[in-house]
Amino acid sequence: MKLPELGSESIDRIIEMAWEDRTPFEAIEEQFGLQEKQVIALMRREMKASSFQMWRERVSGRNSKHLQRREFVAGRFKSDNQKT
């Protein structure tokens, strides 16, 4: 999968956002233009295999990582670094 050219600061921020339980993939897409599949590919490329596997187990099926599946909207946490 082809990923856009990203600087090290952007990659670090994407990884940070992907690890956060309450940051949806849609926020990453809006801020960095990466779809969920691209975020997964980036995480696979940038992380150790064991860390990637642990992350995939955490986010697989997690409702909070997808806006349509969330049970809450109002009052959600928003990082100062997050644009959306």
Protein backbone atom coordinates (compact mmCIF):
# COMPACT_ATOMS: atom_id res chain seq x y z
CA MET A 1 0.00 0.00 0.00
CA LYS A 2 1.39 3.37 -1.01
CA LEU A 3 1.67 5.88 1.80
CA PRO A 4 2.15 9.62 1.29
CA GLU A 5 5.46 11.21 2.23
CA LEU A 6 5.26 12.16 5.90
CA GLY A 7 7.79 13.81 8.16
CA SER A 8 8.91 12.19 11.38
CA GLU A 9 6.78 14.59 13.47
CA SER A 10 3.66 13.67 11.50
CA ILE A 11 4.39 9.95 11.79
CA ASP A 12 4.90 10.30 15.55
CA ARG A 13 1.60 12.18 15.90
CA ILE A 14 -0.31 9.63 13.79
CA ILE A 15 1.04 6.79 15.95
CA GLU A 16 0.10 8.71 19.09
CA MET A 17 -3.43 9.33 17.81
CA ALA A 18 -3.81 5.70 16.71
CA TRP A 19 -2.84 4.46 20.20
CA GLU A 20 -5.38 6.78 21.88
CA ASP A 21 -8.57 4.86 22.56
CA ARG A 22 -10.88 7.81 22.01
CA THR A 23 -9.34 9.22 18.82
CA PRO A 24 -11.27 7.87 15.83
CA PHE A 25 -9.65 6.91 12.55
CA GLU A 26 -11.78 9.61 10.91
CA ALA A 27 -9.89 12.30 12.89
CA ILE A 28 -6.59 10.93 11.60
CA GLU A 29 -7.97 10.90 8.07
CA GLU A 30 -9.20 14.49 8.31
CA GLN A 31 -5.95 15.77 9.78
CA PHE A 32 -3.41 13.74 7.79
CA GLY A 33 -5.38 12.33 4.83
CA LEU A 34 -4.73 8.68 5.75
CA GLN A 35 -7.54 6.15 5.57
CA GLU A 36 -7.82 3.42 8.20
CA LYS A 37 -6.02 0.87 5.99
CA GLN A 38 -3.16 3.31 5.48
CA VAL A 39 -2.90 3.96 9.24
CA ILE A 40 -2.68 0.20 9.79
CA ALA A 41 0.05 -0.07 7.14
CA LEU A 42 1.94 2.83 8.71
CA MET A 43 1.70 1.26 12.17
CA ARG A 44 2.93 -2.07 10.78
CA ARG A 45 5.88 -0.37 9.09
CA GLU A 46 6.90 1.85 12.01
CA MET A 47 6.42 -0.48 14.99
CA LYS A 48 8.04 -3.66 16.21
CA ALA A 49 5.99 -6.72 15.24
CA SER A 50 4.99 -7.44 18.84
CA SER A 51 3.90 -3.84 19.45
CA PHE A 52 1.90 -3.79 16.23
CA GLN A 53 0.18 -7.05 17.17
CA MET A 54 -0.70 -5.68 20.62
CA TRP A 55 -2.10 -2.49 19.04
CA ARG A 56 -4.19 -4.44 16.50
CA GLU A 57 -5.70 -6.56 19.27
CA ARG A 58 -6.59 -3.37 21.18
CA VAL A 59 -8.27 -1.54 18.31
CA SER A 60 -9.93 -4.45 16.51
CA GLY A 61 -13.64 -4.11 17.07
CA ARG A 62 -13.24 -1.10 19.36
CA ASN A 63 -16.30 1.11 18.85
CA SER A 64 -14.55 4.29 19.98
CA LYS A 65 -12.17 4.15 16.99
CA HIS A 66 -15.05 4.66 14.52
CA LEU A 67 -17.39 7.66 14.62
CA GLN A 68 -20.41 5.70 13.32
CA ARG A 69 -20.12 3.09 16.07
CA ARG A 70 -19.67 5.49 18.98
CA GLU A 71 -22.29 5.66 21.67
CA PHE A 72 -21.13 9.12 22.75
CA VAL A 73 -20.54 12.33 20.84
CA ALA A 74 -20.98 15.28 23.18
CA GLY A 75 -18.25 15.67 25.73
CA ARG A 76 -15.68 13.57 23.93
CA PHE A 77 -12.06 14.34 24.72
CA LYS A 78 -10.22 16.49 22.21
CA SER A 79 -6.46 16.92 22.42
CA ASP A 80 -5.04 20.42 21.99
CA ASN A 81 -2.94 19.00 19.14
CA GLN A 82 -6.01 17.62 17.33
CA LYS A 83 -7.51 19.81 14.61
CA THR A 84 -10.95 18.16 14.52
